[in-house]
Amino acid sequence: MKSFDTTSLPFKLSQKGETFTFQNGDILWNQNNKASFMVVVSTGVLKLQRQWPGGGQTILGLLNRGSIIGEEAINSDSVRTSTCTAIVSGKGFRIPQKDITSLLQEKEIALSLIELSNKRLRQTLKRMEELLDGPVEARLASTLLRLGEQLGIFDGRGIFIPIRLTRGELAEFIGCRAETTTRLMTKWKRSNLVDTKREGIVIQNLERLKQIATPSK
């Protein structure tokens, strides 16, 4: 397993953590659980999902190698703001709260974790804005582009996103019904814009997808 850059925050945090493994479908924590540890992802992919009072839920993002999650544990009385579930099996480092407290004595690490927390808040607010603005087609295109940038692998077919997402999960990314994502993905597949495989999604026409993601006002 390739190690992190020794100057990076993930490396510094992982030195205080204990290695653990997770399997597809494992729940690392539920929303409103006490935040008692942080995680640095080494391999695999985790999903952050927010449940809303009205019963709906939204996927806030996917976390892969080098991601730091669970920063709520910086504060001893905090609770989880979302549920964390594995969607690709992998490994990570779990940093318990007692070690987080000692890490916060290092000014550079403390400032980095505060910035991480602020960045996560900005990302969440941006996701909420996306759910309220623009046509569904543009939101789905933006989601696929973001996943392609984060997880994509260039191959002979285009940009391959090596994760299996159900139509329901795609719908949770963009705030719509699963039937809508099914209709759009079927339409785009017929147009050779994207292709769906058992092992993931292929973006076949990147430029066209970018055009759909940024419709003219």
Protein backbone atom coordinates (compact mmCIF):
# COMPACT_ATOMS: atom_id res chain seq x y z
CA MET A 1 0.00 0.00 0.00
CA LYS A 2 1.56 3.26 -1.15
CA SER A 3 2.18 5.67 1.71
CA PHE A 4 1.13 9.32 1.87
CA ASP A 5 3.49 12.22 1.28
CA THR A 6 5.30 12.58 4.61
CA THR A 7 4.69 16.35 4.63
CA SER A 8 0.93 16.02 4.14
CA LEU A 9 -1.80 16.34 6.74
CA PRO A 10 -3.17 12.82 5.98
CA PHE A 11 0.27 11.37 6.77
CA LYS A 12 0.63 13.31 10.02
CA LEU A 13 -2.82 12.23 11.17
CA SER A 14 -2.34 8.61 10.09
CA GLN A 15 0.72 8.36 12.34
CA LYS A 16 -1.61 8.71 15.31
CA GLY A 17 -4.22 6.34 13.92
CA GLU A 18 -4.91 2.64 14.02
CA THR A 19 -5.34 0.78 10.74
CA PHE A 20 -8.76 -0.71 10.03
CA THR A 21 -10.55 -2.21 7.04
CA PHE A 22 -14.06 -1.67 5.75
CA GLN A 23 -16.22 -3.61 3.33
CA ASN A 24 -18.76 -2.36 0.80
CA GLY A 25 -21.91 -1.55 2.77
CA ASP A 26 -20.23 -1.08 6.16
CA ILE A 27 -21.52 1.90 8.14
CA LEU A 28 -18.67 3.70 9.89
CA TRP A 29 -21.09 5.93 11.79
CA ASN A 30 -24.67 7.15 11.67
CA GLN A 31 -25.91 10.71 11.64
CA ASN A 32 -26.29 12.08 15.19
CA ASN A 33 -23.84 9.54 16.66
CA LYS A 34 -21.29 11.04 19.05
CA ALA A 35 -18.21 12.11 17.07
CA SER A 36 -15.45 10.18 18.83
CA PHE A 37 -12.87 9.67 16.06
CA MET A 38 -11.62 10.89 12.68
CA VAL A 39 -10.70 8.80 9.64
CA VAL A 40 -8.02 9.12 6.97
CA VAL A 41 -8.94 7.09 3.88
CA SER A 42 -6.09 5.03 2.44
CA THR A 43 -7.94 2.91 -0.13
CA GLY A 44 -11.58 2.40 -1.06
CA VAL A 45 -14.43 4.91 -1.24
CA LEU A 46 -16.77 6.21 1.47
CA LYS A 47 -20.09 8.01 1.06
CA LEU A 48 -21.41 10.85 3.24
CA GLN A 49 -25.20 10.97 3.33
CA ARG A 50 -27.41 13.52 5.08
CA GLN A 51 -30.91 12.67 6.30
CA TRP A 52 -33.39 15.56 6.37
CA PRO A 53 -36.28 16.06 8.83
CA GLY A 54 -38.87 15.61 6.08
CA GLY A 55 -37.59 12.12 5.31
CA GLY A 56 -35.47 12.82 2.24
CA GLN A 57 -31.73 12.27 2.05
CA THR A 58 -28.84 13.71 0.06
CA ILE A 59 -25.42 12.33 -0.79
CA LEU A 60 -23.04 15.13 0.16
CA GLY A 61 -19.98 13.58 -1.42
CA LEU A 62 -17.66 10.63 -1.90
CA LEU A 63 -14.31 10.32 -0.13
CA ASN A 64 -11.36 8.41 -1.53
CA ARG A 65 -7.61 8.09 -0.91
CA GLY A 66 -6.17 10.92 1.17
CA SER A 67 -9.55 12.21 2.33
CA ILE A 68 -9.94 13.20 5.98
CA ILE A 69 -13.42 12.82 7.41
CA GLY A 70 -15.11 13.03 10.77
CA GLU A 71 -13.49 16.34 11.70
CA GLU A 72 -16.48 17.02 13.98
CA ALA A 73 -14.47 15.01 16.53
CA ILE A 74 -12.25 18.08 17.03
CA ASN A 75 -14.89 19.15 19.57
CA SER A 76 -15.51 16.67 22.38
CA ASP A 77 -19.28 17.27 22.54
CA SER A 78 -20.00 17.14 18.79
CA VAL A 79 -22.28 14.71 16.96
CA ARG A 80 -22.12 13.42 13.40
CA THR A 81 -23.82 15.62 10.83
CA SER A 82 -24.14 12.80 8.27
CA THR A 83 -23.93 9.02 7.90
CA CYS A 84 -20.70 7.53 6.55
CA THR A 85 -21.00 4.31 4.51
CA ALA A 86 -18.43 2.36 2.50
CA ILE A 87 -19.31 1.86 -1.17
CA VAL A 88 -15.92 0.42 -2.20
CA SER A 89 -14.02 -1.83 0.22
CA GLY A 90 -10.73 -0.49 1.50
CA LYS A 91 -8.53 0.54 4.40
CA GLY A 92 -8.10 3.61 6.54
CA PHE A 93 -6.69 5.03 9.74
CA ARG A 94 -8.94 5.73 12.73
CA ILE A 95 -7.74 8.55 15.01
CA PRO A 96 -9.49 8.50 18.43
CA GLN A 97 -10.48 11.73 20.12
CA LYS A 98 -7.77 11.51 22.80
CA ASP A 99 -5.11 11.58 20.08
CA ILE A 100 -6.90 14.36 18.21
CA THR A 101 -6.63 16.45 21.38
CA SER A 102 -2.86 15.98 21.47
CA LEU A 103 -2.55 16.72 17.74
CA LEU A 104 -4.35 20.02 18.23
CA GLN A 105 -1.44 21.17 20.38
CA GLU A 106 0.54 21.49 17.14
CA LYS A 107 -0.42 24.85 15.65
CA GLU A 108 0.03 23.83 12.01
CA ILE A 109 -2.18 20.77 12.39
CA ALA A 110 -4.79 22.69 14.38
CA LEU A 111 -5.05 25.39 11.71
CA SER A 112 -5.22 22.76 8.95
CA LEU A 113 -8.07 20.93 10.68
CA ILE A 114 -9.99 24.17 11.23
CA GLU A 115 -9.59 25.01 7.55
CA LEU A 116 -10.71 21.49 6.63
CA SER A 117 -13.84 21.92 8.74
CA ASN A 118 -14.57 25.30 7.12
CA LYS A 119 -13.98 23.84 3.65
CA ARG A 120 -16.41 21.01 4.35
CA LEU A 121 -19.03 23.53 5.43
CA ARG A 122 -18.53 25.54 2.23
CA GLN A 123 -18.83 22.38 0.15
CA THR A 124 -22.05 21.40 1.92
CA LEU A 125 -23.56 24.85 1.37
CA LYS A 126 -22.57 24.69 -2.30
CA ARG A 127 -24.22 21.28 -2.61
CA MET A 128 -27.41 22.69 -1.10
CA GLU A 129 -27.35 25.56 -3.60
CA GLU A 130 -26.95 23.07 -6.45
CA LEU A 131 -30.05 21.20 -5.31
CA LEU A 132 -32.11 24.39 -5.46
CA ASP A 133 -30.76 25.87 -8.68
CA GLY A 134 -30.75 24.83 -12.32
CA PRO A 135 -32.41 22.06 -14.32
CA VAL A 136 -32.06 18.46 -13.21
CA GLU A 137 -30.16 17.58 -16.39
CA ALA A 138 -27.49 20.18 -15.59
CA ARG A 139 -27.19 18.95 -12.00
CA LEU A 140 -26.69 15.36 -13.12
CA ALA A 141 -24.08 16.40 -15.67
CA SER A 142 -22.23 18.43 -13.02
CA THR A 143 -22.27 15.46 -10.65
CA LEU A 144 -20.79 13.11 -13.24
CA LEU A 145 -18.12 15.66 -14.12
CA ARG A 146 -17.21 16.08 -10.46
CA LEU A 147 -16.99 12.31 -9.96
CA GLY A 148 -14.94 12.00 -13.13
CA GLU A 149 -12.49 14.61 -11.89
CA GLN A 150 -12.22 13.01 -8.46
CA LEU A 151 -12.22 9.31 -9.32
CA GLY A 152 -12.00 9.04 -13.10
CA ILE A 153 -9.49 6.98 -15.05
CA PHE A 154 -8.74 7.83 -18.68
CA ASP A 155 -8.94 4.79 -20.94
CA GLY A 156 -9.85 3.99 -24.53
CA ARG A 157 -13.55 4.44 -23.82
CA GLY A 158 -13.31 7.91 -22.25
CA ILE A 159 -13.26 8.75 -18.53
CA PHE A 160 -14.13 5.69 -16.48
CA ILE A 161 -15.61 6.24 -12.99
CA PRO A 162 -14.89 2.89 -11.25
CA ILE A 163 -17.74 2.85 -8.74
CA ARG A 164 -21.17 1.28 -8.96
CA LEU A 165 -23.88 3.84 -8.28
CA THR A 166 -27.55 2.96 -8.42
CA ARG A 167 -30.05 5.28 -10.08
CA GLY A 168 -31.35 5.99 -6.59
CA GLU A 169 -27.90 7.10 -5.41
CA LEU A 170 -27.49 9.36 -8.44
CA ALA A 171 -30.89 10.82 -7.61
CA GLU A 172 -29.73 11.51 -4.04
CA PHE A 173 -26.78 13.47 -5.41
CA ILE A 174 -29.02 15.88 -7.31
CA GLY A 175 -32.31 15.92 -5.40
CA CYS A 176 -34.71 14.21 -7.79
CA ARG A 177 -36.58 10.94 -8.29
CA ALA A 178 -34.76 7.77 -9.33
CA GLU A 179 -37.03 7.56 -12.37
CA THR A 180 -35.63 10.89 -13.58
CA THR A 181 -32.00 9.76 -13.42
CA THR A 182 -32.96 6.51 -15.16
CA ARG A 183 -34.58 8.46 -18.00
CA LEU A 184 -31.63 10.83 -18.38
CA MET A 185 -28.96 8.13 -18.22
CA THR A 186 -30.86 6.05 -20.80
CA LYS A 187 -31.16 9.09 -23.08
CA TRP A 188 -27.46 9.91 -22.73
CA LYS A 189 -26.46 6.31 -23.35
CA ARG A 190 -28.39 6.29 -26.63
CA SER A 191 -26.61 9.52 -27.60
CA ASN A 192 -23.17 8.03 -26.78
CA LEU A 193 -22.69 10.67 -24.10
CA VAL A 194 -22.22 8.23 -21.22
CA ASP A 195 -22.26 4.49 -20.85
CA THR A 196 -23.10 2.43 -17.79
CA LYS A 197 -21.26 -0.77 -16.98
CA ARG A 198 -21.59 -3.22 -14.13
CA GLU A 199 -18.32 -1.89 -12.74
CA GLY A 200 -19.01 1.83 -13.16
CA ILE A 201 -19.83 4.73 -15.50
CA VAL A 202 -17.97 5.88 -18.62
CA ILE A 203 -18.07 9.52 -19.74
CA GLN A 204 -17.78 9.19 -23.51
CA ASN A 205 -18.31 12.81 -24.59
CA LEU A 206 -16.70 15.12 -22.03
CA GLU A 207 -17.21 18.38 -23.93
CA ARG A 208 -20.91 17.77 -24.51
CA LEU A 209 -21.40 16.89 -20.84
CA LYS A 210 -19.72 20.18 -19.88
CA GLN A 211 -22.15 22.05 -22.14
CA ILE A 212 -25.12 20.39 -20.47
CA ALA A 213 -23.70 21.20 -17.02
CA THR A 214 -23.51 24.92 -17.85
CA PRO A 215 -26.70 25.78 -19.75
CA SER A 216 -26.96 29.27 -21.19
CA LYS A 217 -28.99 31.67 -19.08
